[in-house]
């Protein structure tokens, strides 16, 4: 049976080369960008350039804004508490983004090692942690690791 591993990555404070090196080292095959908008002021982390840099190493890039955190839900995470933001994300992923979450879990089953990317370095202060938790609820065979 193929591995089912998710690698949580927050690129804040990292250089593009560092991030790619870490992904290659652990054998990530696909990186799913769960930012609502795949743009960044940080060089190399906007969608086109980022996808091209990953492709050079054989890593496929997927941007899925359906797994993104709406702007109005970010304050709870930024305060460090996150409980309100986590509840909103869970509701979002159980309702309107349920298909996206299922497709994400299926991708992990197909590819084996998948990275989950957002800007926030600390997973406890980022919605991607909710995405990982809910993926594991759908498929308890998934293992998670933090690369931040």
N, C-alpha and C. Protein backbone atom coordinates (compact mmCIF):
# COMPACT_ATOMS: atom_id res chain seq x y z
N UNK A 1 0.83 -1.18 0.00
CA UNK A 1 0.00 0.00 0.00
C UNK A 1 0.88 1.25 0.00
N UNK A 2 0.48 2.23 -0.77
CA UNK A 2 1.22 3.49 -0.88
C UNK A 2 1.13 4.29 0.43
N UNK A 3 2.23 4.98 0.76
CA UNK A 3 2.20 5.89 1.90
C UNK A 3 1.11 6.93 1.71
N UNK A 4 0.53 7.38 2.80
CA UNK A 4 -0.39 8.51 2.76
C UNK A 4 0.13 9.51 3.79
N UNK A 5 0.92 10.46 3.29
CA UNK A 5 1.58 11.41 4.19
C UNK A 5 1.30 12.83 3.75
N UNK A 6 1.00 13.66 4.74
CA UNK A 6 0.79 15.08 4.52
C UNK A 6 1.88 15.85 5.26
N UNK A 7 2.45 16.82 4.56
CA UNK A 7 3.50 17.65 5.13
C UNK A 7 3.01 19.09 5.19
N UNK A 8 2.87 19.61 6.39
CA UNK A 8 2.40 20.97 6.60
C UNK A 8 3.57 21.94 6.46
N UNK A 9 3.38 22.97 5.62
CA UNK A 9 4.46 23.92 5.36
C UNK A 9 3.94 25.35 5.43
N UNK A 10 4.56 26.14 6.29
CA UNK A 10 4.32 27.58 6.33
C UNK A 10 5.59 28.25 5.86
N UNK A 11 5.51 28.98 4.76
CA UNK A 11 6.75 29.50 4.16
C UNK A 11 7.24 30.80 4.77
N UNK A 12 6.53 31.36 5.73
CA UNK A 12 6.98 32.59 6.38
C UNK A 12 8.38 32.41 6.95
N UNK A 13 9.28 33.33 6.61
CA UNK A 13 10.66 33.25 7.10
C UNK A 13 11.56 32.31 6.31
N UNK A 14 11.04 31.68 5.26
CA UNK A 14 11.85 30.76 4.46
C UNK A 14 12.16 31.37 3.10
N UNK A 15 13.27 30.96 2.54
CA UNK A 15 13.58 31.27 1.15
C UNK A 15 12.99 30.18 0.28
N UNK A 16 12.68 30.50 -0.95
CA UNK A 16 12.11 29.54 -1.88
C UNK A 16 12.99 28.29 -1.98
N UNK A 17 14.29 28.49 -2.09
CA UNK A 17 15.21 27.37 -2.23
C UNK A 17 15.17 26.45 -1.02
N UNK A 18 15.07 27.03 0.18
CA UNK A 18 14.99 26.23 1.41
C UNK A 18 13.75 25.36 1.42
N UNK A 19 12.63 25.97 1.05
CA UNK A 19 11.37 25.24 1.05
C UNK A 19 11.43 24.07 0.07
N UNK A 20 11.88 24.34 -1.14
CA UNK A 20 11.95 23.29 -2.15
C UNK A 20 12.90 22.18 -1.71
N UNK A 21 14.01 22.55 -1.11
CA UNK A 21 14.96 21.55 -0.61
C UNK A 21 14.29 20.62 0.40
N UNK A 22 13.52 21.19 1.31
CA UNK A 22 12.82 20.38 2.32
C UNK A 22 11.80 19.44 1.67
N UNK A 23 11.06 19.95 0.70
CA UNK A 23 10.04 19.14 0.03
C UNK A 23 10.69 17.96 -0.71
N UNK A 24 11.77 18.24 -1.39
CA UNK A 24 12.49 17.20 -2.13
C UNK A 24 13.04 16.16 -1.15
N UNK A 25 13.61 16.62 -0.05
CA UNK A 25 14.23 15.74 0.94
C UNK A 25 13.24 14.70 1.48
N UNK A 26 11.98 15.10 1.69
CA UNK A 26 10.99 14.16 2.24
C UNK A 26 10.18 13.45 1.15
N UNK A 27 10.46 13.77 -0.10
CA UNK A 27 9.82 13.06 -1.21
C UNK A 27 8.41 13.52 -1.57
N UNK A 28 8.10 14.79 -1.30
CA UNK A 28 6.79 15.32 -1.67
C UNK A 28 6.66 15.29 -3.19
N UNK A 29 5.52 14.79 -3.66
CA UNK A 29 5.25 14.70 -5.10
C UNK A 29 4.35 15.81 -5.61
N UNK A 30 3.46 16.28 -4.72
CA UNK A 30 2.52 17.34 -5.07
C UNK A 30 2.47 18.32 -3.90
N UNK A 31 2.44 19.61 -4.21
CA UNK A 31 2.26 20.62 -3.19
C UNK A 31 0.92 21.31 -3.43
N UNK A 32 0.05 21.25 -2.44
CA UNK A 32 -1.26 21.90 -2.53
C UNK A 32 -1.20 23.21 -1.77
N UNK A 33 -1.39 24.28 -2.49
CA UNK A 33 -1.38 25.63 -1.94
C UNK A 33 -2.80 25.94 -1.47
N UNK A 34 -2.97 26.12 -0.16
CA UNK A 34 -4.30 26.36 0.40
C UNK A 34 -4.51 27.83 0.77
N UNK A 35 -3.71 28.71 0.15
CA UNK A 35 -3.98 30.14 0.32
C UNK A 35 -5.20 30.48 -0.53
N UNK A 36 -6.02 31.37 -0.04
CA UNK A 36 -7.19 31.79 -0.81
C UNK A 36 -6.74 32.42 -2.12
N UNK A 37 -5.72 33.28 -2.04
CA UNK A 37 -5.12 33.92 -3.21
C UNK A 37 -3.65 33.55 -3.24
N UNK A 38 -3.20 32.95 -4.31
CA UNK A 38 -1.82 32.48 -4.41
C UNK A 38 -0.89 33.59 -4.88
N UNK A 39 -0.88 34.67 -4.11
CA UNK A 39 0.02 35.78 -4.39
C UNK A 39 0.83 36.05 -3.13
N UNK A 40 2.00 36.63 -3.33
CA UNK A 40 2.86 36.92 -2.19
C UNK A 40 3.80 38.06 -2.54
N UNK A 41 4.09 38.87 -1.55
CA UNK A 41 5.12 39.91 -1.71
C UNK A 41 6.51 39.30 -1.60
N UNK A 42 6.56 38.11 -1.07
CA UNK A 42 7.84 37.42 -0.89
C UNK A 42 8.27 36.82 -2.22
N UNK A 43 9.47 37.14 -2.68
CA UNK A 43 9.94 36.66 -3.99
C UNK A 43 9.85 35.14 -4.16
N UNK A 44 9.22 34.75 -5.27
CA UNK A 44 9.15 33.34 -5.63
C UNK A 44 7.91 32.61 -5.16
N UNK A 45 7.10 33.21 -4.31
CA UNK A 45 5.97 32.50 -3.74
C UNK A 45 4.62 32.86 -4.36
N UNK A 46 4.62 33.59 -5.45
CA UNK A 46 3.38 33.81 -6.19
C UNK A 46 3.19 32.66 -7.16
N UNK A 47 1.96 32.40 -7.51
CA UNK A 47 1.54 31.19 -8.20
C UNK A 47 2.41 30.76 -9.39
N UNK A 48 2.57 31.59 -10.39
CA UNK A 48 3.30 31.17 -11.61
C UNK A 48 4.76 30.83 -11.34
N UNK A 49 5.44 31.74 -10.70
CA UNK A 49 6.87 31.52 -10.44
C UNK A 49 7.08 30.33 -9.50
N UNK A 50 6.22 30.23 -8.52
CA UNK A 50 6.31 29.13 -7.55
C UNK A 50 6.09 27.79 -8.25
N UNK A 51 5.04 27.71 -9.07
CA UNK A 51 4.74 26.48 -9.80
C UNK A 51 5.91 26.09 -10.71
N UNK A 52 6.51 27.07 -11.37
CA UNK A 52 7.62 26.80 -12.27
C UNK A 52 8.84 26.28 -11.50
N UNK A 53 9.13 26.87 -10.36
CA UNK A 53 10.28 26.43 -9.55
C UNK A 53 10.06 25.01 -9.03
N UNK A 54 8.85 24.71 -8.62
CA UNK A 54 8.56 23.35 -8.15
C UNK A 54 8.66 22.34 -9.29
N UNK A 55 8.14 22.72 -10.46
CA UNK A 55 8.16 21.82 -11.62
C UNK A 55 9.59 21.43 -12.00
N UNK A 56 10.53 22.34 -11.82
CA UNK A 56 11.93 22.04 -12.13
C UNK A 56 12.48 20.89 -11.30
N UNK A 57 11.88 20.65 -10.14
CA UNK A 57 12.33 19.55 -9.27
C UNK A 57 11.40 18.35 -9.35
N UNK A 58 10.39 18.43 -10.21
CA UNK A 58 9.47 17.31 -10.37
C UNK A 58 8.28 17.32 -9.42
N UNK A 59 8.09 18.41 -8.71
CA UNK A 59 6.95 18.52 -7.79
C UNK A 59 5.82 19.26 -8.50
N UNK A 60 4.66 18.65 -8.50
CA UNK A 60 3.48 19.28 -9.12
C UNK A 60 2.86 20.26 -8.14
N UNK A 61 2.44 21.40 -8.66
CA UNK A 61 1.82 22.45 -7.87
C UNK A 61 0.33 22.48 -8.15
N UNK A 62 -0.47 22.53 -7.07
CA UNK A 62 -1.92 22.65 -7.19
C UNK A 62 -2.37 23.77 -6.26
N UNK A 63 -3.06 24.75 -6.81
CA UNK A 63 -3.64 25.79 -5.97
C UNK A 63 -5.12 25.48 -5.82
N UNK A 64 -5.60 25.33 -4.58
CA UNK A 64 -7.01 25.05 -4.35
C UNK A 64 -7.59 26.09 -3.39
N UNK A 65 -8.10 27.20 -3.95
CA UNK A 65 -8.65 28.25 -3.11
C UNK A 65 -9.89 27.82 -2.33
N UNK A 66 -10.51 26.70 -2.73
CA UNK A 66 -11.66 26.19 -1.97
C UNK A 66 -11.25 25.76 -0.57
N UNK A 67 -9.96 25.49 -0.38
CA UNK A 67 -9.44 25.11 0.94
C UNK A 67 -8.82 26.31 1.66
N UNK A 68 -8.99 27.50 1.08
CA UNK A 68 -8.43 28.72 1.64
C UNK A 68 -9.26 29.30 2.78
N UNK A 69 -8.60 30.15 3.54
CA UNK A 69 -9.23 30.81 4.68
C UNK A 69 -9.72 32.20 4.26
N UNK A 70 -11.02 32.47 4.35
CA UNK A 70 -11.52 33.78 3.97
C UNK A 70 -10.90 34.89 4.82
N UNK A 71 -10.71 36.03 4.21
CA UNK A 71 -10.08 37.17 4.88
C UNK A 71 -10.76 37.51 6.21
N UNK A 72 -12.09 37.45 6.22
CA UNK A 72 -12.83 37.81 7.44
C UNK A 72 -12.66 36.79 8.57
N UNK A 73 -12.00 35.67 8.29
CA UNK A 73 -11.81 34.64 9.32
C UNK A 73 -10.36 34.59 9.83
N UNK A 74 -9.55 35.52 9.47
CA UNK A 74 -8.12 35.44 9.82
C UNK A 74 -7.76 36.02 11.18
N UNK A 75 -8.57 36.93 11.70
CA UNK A 75 -8.23 37.62 12.95
C UNK A 75 -8.06 36.65 14.12
N UNK A 76 -8.93 35.67 14.22
CA UNK A 76 -8.85 34.70 15.30
C UNK A 76 -7.51 33.97 15.30
N UNK A 77 -7.05 33.58 14.13
CA UNK A 77 -5.75 32.91 14.02
C UNK A 77 -4.61 33.88 14.34
N UNK A 78 -4.72 35.11 13.88
CA UNK A 78 -3.67 36.11 14.10
C UNK A 78 -3.52 36.46 15.57
N UNK A 79 -4.63 36.42 16.32
CA UNK A 79 -4.57 36.69 17.76
C UNK A 79 -3.87 35.56 18.50
N UNK A 80 -3.78 34.39 17.89
CA UNK A 80 -3.11 33.27 18.54
C UNK A 80 -4.06 32.29 19.18
N UNK A 81 -5.30 32.67 19.41
CA UNK A 81 -6.30 31.79 20.00
C UNK A 81 -6.75 30.78 18.95
N UNK A 82 -7.33 31.26 17.88
CA UNK A 82 -7.70 30.42 16.76
C UNK A 82 -8.96 29.60 16.91
N UNK A 83 -9.55 29.52 18.11
CA UNK A 83 -10.71 28.64 18.29
C UNK A 83 -11.89 29.05 17.41
N UNK A 84 -12.17 30.33 17.35
CA UNK A 84 -13.26 30.81 16.51
C UNK A 84 -12.95 30.55 15.03
N UNK A 85 -11.75 30.86 14.61
CA UNK A 85 -11.33 30.64 13.23
C UNK A 85 -11.36 29.17 12.84
N UNK A 86 -10.96 28.32 13.78
CA UNK A 86 -10.97 26.88 13.52
C UNK A 86 -12.41 26.40 13.32
N UNK A 87 -13.32 26.89 14.14
CA UNK A 87 -14.74 26.50 14.03
C UNK A 87 -15.31 26.94 12.67
N UNK A 88 -14.97 28.14 12.25
CA UNK A 88 -15.44 28.64 10.96
C UNK A 88 -14.87 27.79 9.83
N UNK A 89 -13.59 27.46 9.90
CA UNK A 89 -12.97 26.64 8.86
C UNK A 89 -13.59 25.24 8.80
N UNK A 90 -13.85 24.66 9.97
CA UNK A 90 -14.47 23.34 9.99
C UNK A 90 -15.84 23.39 9.32
N UNK A 91 -16.61 24.40 9.64
CA UNK A 91 -17.94 24.54 9.03
C UNK A 91 -17.82 24.74 7.52
N UNK A 92 -16.86 25.54 7.12
CA UNK A 92 -16.64 25.79 5.68
C UNK A 92 -16.27 24.50 4.94
N UNK A 93 -15.39 23.71 5.56
CA UNK A 93 -14.95 22.47 4.92
C UNK A 93 -16.00 21.36 4.98
N UNK A 94 -16.92 21.44 5.92
CA UNK A 94 -17.99 20.44 6.01
C UNK A 94 -19.14 20.78 5.08
N UNK A 95 -19.24 22.02 4.70
CA UNK A 95 -20.36 22.46 3.87
C UNK A 95 -19.90 22.75 2.45
N UNK A 96 -19.64 24.00 2.13
CA UNK A 96 -19.34 24.41 0.77
C UNK A 96 -18.08 23.83 0.17
N UNK A 97 -17.10 23.48 0.98
CA UNK A 97 -15.83 22.96 0.45
C UNK A 97 -15.66 21.47 0.71
N UNK A 98 -16.75 20.79 0.99
CA UNK A 98 -16.69 19.35 1.28
C UNK A 98 -16.11 18.56 0.10
N UNK A 99 -16.51 18.92 -1.12
CA UNK A 99 -16.00 18.24 -2.31
C UNK A 99 -14.49 18.47 -2.44
N UNK A 100 -14.04 19.69 -2.18
CA UNK A 100 -12.61 20.01 -2.26
C UNK A 100 -11.82 19.18 -1.25
N UNK A 101 -12.35 19.04 -0.05
CA UNK A 101 -11.66 18.26 0.98
C UNK A 101 -11.58 16.79 0.56
N UNK A 102 -12.65 16.25 0.01
CA UNK A 102 -12.66 14.86 -0.45
C UNK A 102 -11.65 14.66 -1.59
N UNK A 103 -11.61 15.61 -2.53
CA UNK A 103 -10.65 15.53 -3.64
C UNK A 103 -9.22 15.60 -3.10
N UNK A 104 -9.00 16.42 -2.09
CA UNK A 104 -7.69 16.55 -1.47
C UNK A 104 -7.26 15.22 -0.85
N UNK A 105 -8.16 14.58 -0.11
CA UNK A 105 -7.86 13.28 0.51
C UNK A 105 -7.59 12.24 -0.57
N UNK A 106 -8.37 12.26 -1.64
CA UNK A 106 -8.14 11.32 -2.75
C UNK A 106 -6.76 11.54 -3.37
N UNK A 107 -6.35 12.80 -3.49
CA UNK A 107 -5.03 13.13 -4.03
C UNK A 107 -3.93 12.53 -3.17
N UNK A 108 -4.09 12.60 -1.86
CA UNK A 108 -3.10 12.01 -0.95
C UNK A 108 -3.03 10.50 -1.18
N UNK A 109 -4.17 9.87 -1.35
CA UNK A 109 -4.20 8.43 -1.63
C UNK A 109 -3.52 8.07 -2.94
N UNK A 110 -3.66 8.93 -3.95
CA UNK A 110 -3.07 8.68 -5.26
C UNK A 110 -1.57 8.97 -5.29
N UNK A 111 -1.16 10.06 -4.67
CA UNK A 111 0.22 10.53 -4.78
C UNK A 111 1.13 10.07 -3.63
N UNK A 112 0.57 9.79 -2.49
CA UNK A 112 1.36 9.29 -1.38
C UNK A 112 1.94 10.34 -0.46
N UNK A 113 2.67 11.28 -1.01
CA UNK A 113 3.31 12.33 -0.18
C UNK A 113 2.93 13.68 -0.75
N UNK A 114 2.15 14.41 0.04
CA UNK A 114 1.60 15.68 -0.42
C UNK A 114 1.93 16.77 0.60
N UNK A 115 2.39 17.90 0.11
CA UNK A 115 2.63 19.05 0.95
C UNK A 115 1.40 19.94 0.96
N UNK A 116 1.17 20.63 2.08
CA UNK A 116 0.07 21.58 2.22
C UNK A 116 0.70 22.91 2.63
N UNK A 117 0.54 23.91 1.77
CA UNK A 117 1.26 25.16 1.95
C UNK A 117 0.35 26.35 2.24
N UNK A 118 0.80 27.18 3.17
CA UNK A 118 0.22 28.49 3.43
C UNK A 118 1.37 29.39 3.89
N UNK A 119 1.08 30.65 4.06
CA UNK A 119 2.13 31.60 4.42
C UNK A 119 2.54 31.53 5.89
N UNK A 120 1.60 31.31 6.78
CA UNK A 120 1.86 31.35 8.22
C UNK A 120 2.80 30.22 8.65
N UNK A 121 3.89 30.59 9.27
CA UNK A 121 4.91 29.62 9.69
C UNK A 121 4.41 28.68 10.80
N UNK A 122 3.69 29.25 11.77
CA UNK A 122 3.23 28.49 12.93
C UNK A 122 1.93 27.76 12.59
N UNK A 123 1.94 26.43 12.52
CA UNK A 123 0.72 25.71 12.14
C UNK A 123 -0.45 25.95 13.10
N UNK A 124 -0.17 26.25 14.35
CA UNK A 124 -1.25 26.50 15.32
C UNK A 124 -1.98 27.81 15.02
N UNK A 125 -1.35 28.68 14.23
CA UNK A 125 -1.95 29.97 13.90
C UNK A 125 -2.40 30.01 12.44
N UNK A 126 -2.62 28.82 11.86
CA UNK A 126 -2.97 28.76 10.44
C UNK A 126 -4.11 27.78 10.20
N UNK A 127 -4.94 28.13 9.26
CA UNK A 127 -6.08 27.28 8.91
C UNK A 127 -5.66 25.95 8.30
N UNK A 128 -4.45 25.84 7.79
CA UNK A 128 -4.05 24.58 7.14
C UNK A 128 -4.07 23.43 8.13
N UNK A 129 -3.91 23.73 9.42
CA UNK A 129 -3.97 22.69 10.44
C UNK A 129 -5.36 22.05 10.46
N UNK A 130 -6.39 22.85 10.26
CA UNK A 130 -7.77 22.33 10.21
C UNK A 130 -7.94 21.44 8.98
N UNK A 131 -7.36 21.88 7.86
CA UNK A 131 -7.42 21.08 6.62
C UNK A 131 -6.78 19.71 6.87
N UNK A 132 -5.62 19.68 7.50
CA UNK A 132 -4.94 18.42 7.78
C UNK A 132 -5.75 17.56 8.73
N UNK A 133 -6.27 18.14 9.79
CA UNK A 133 -7.06 17.38 10.77
C UNK A 133 -8.28 16.73 10.11
N UNK A 134 -8.97 17.50 9.29
CA UNK A 134 -10.18 16.99 8.66
C UNK A 134 -9.86 15.94 7.60
N UNK A 135 -8.73 16.08 6.95
CA UNK A 135 -8.29 15.05 5.99
C UNK A 135 -8.05 13.74 6.73
N UNK A 136 -7.43 13.82 7.89
CA UNK A 136 -7.16 12.63 8.69
C UNK A 136 -8.45 12.01 9.23
N UNK A 137 -9.44 12.82 9.48
CA UNK A 137 -10.74 12.30 9.91
C UNK A 137 -11.39 11.50 8.78
N UNK A 138 -11.23 11.96 7.54
CA UNK A 138 -11.77 11.24 6.40
C UNK A 138 -10.98 9.97 6.08
N UNK A 139 -9.67 10.03 6.32
CA UNK A 139 -8.80 8.88 6.05
C UNK A 139 -7.81 8.74 7.20
N UNK A 140 -8.15 7.92 8.20
CA UNK A 140 -7.29 7.77 9.38
C UNK A 140 -5.91 7.17 9.09
N UNK A 141 -5.69 6.67 7.87
CA UNK A 141 -4.39 6.12 7.50
C UNK A 141 -3.38 7.21 7.15
N UNK A 142 -3.85 8.46 7.01
CA UNK A 142 -2.95 9.57 6.67
C UNK A 142 -2.11 9.93 7.89
N UNK A 143 -0.82 10.09 7.64
CA UNK A 143 0.11 10.57 8.67
C UNK A 143 0.42 12.03 8.35
N UNK A 144 0.63 12.85 9.39
CA UNK A 144 0.96 14.25 9.16
C UNK A 144 2.31 14.59 9.79
N UNK A 145 3.00 15.52 9.12
CA UNK A 145 4.30 15.99 9.57
C UNK A 145 4.37 17.49 9.36
N UNK A 146 5.13 18.18 10.18
CA UNK A 146 5.28 19.62 10.05
C UNK A 146 6.68 19.96 9.56
N UNK A 147 6.76 20.71 8.47
CA UNK A 147 8.06 21.13 7.93
C UNK A 147 8.36 22.59 8.22
N UNK A 148 7.49 23.27 8.93
CA UNK A 148 7.68 24.70 9.17
C UNK A 148 8.80 24.98 10.13
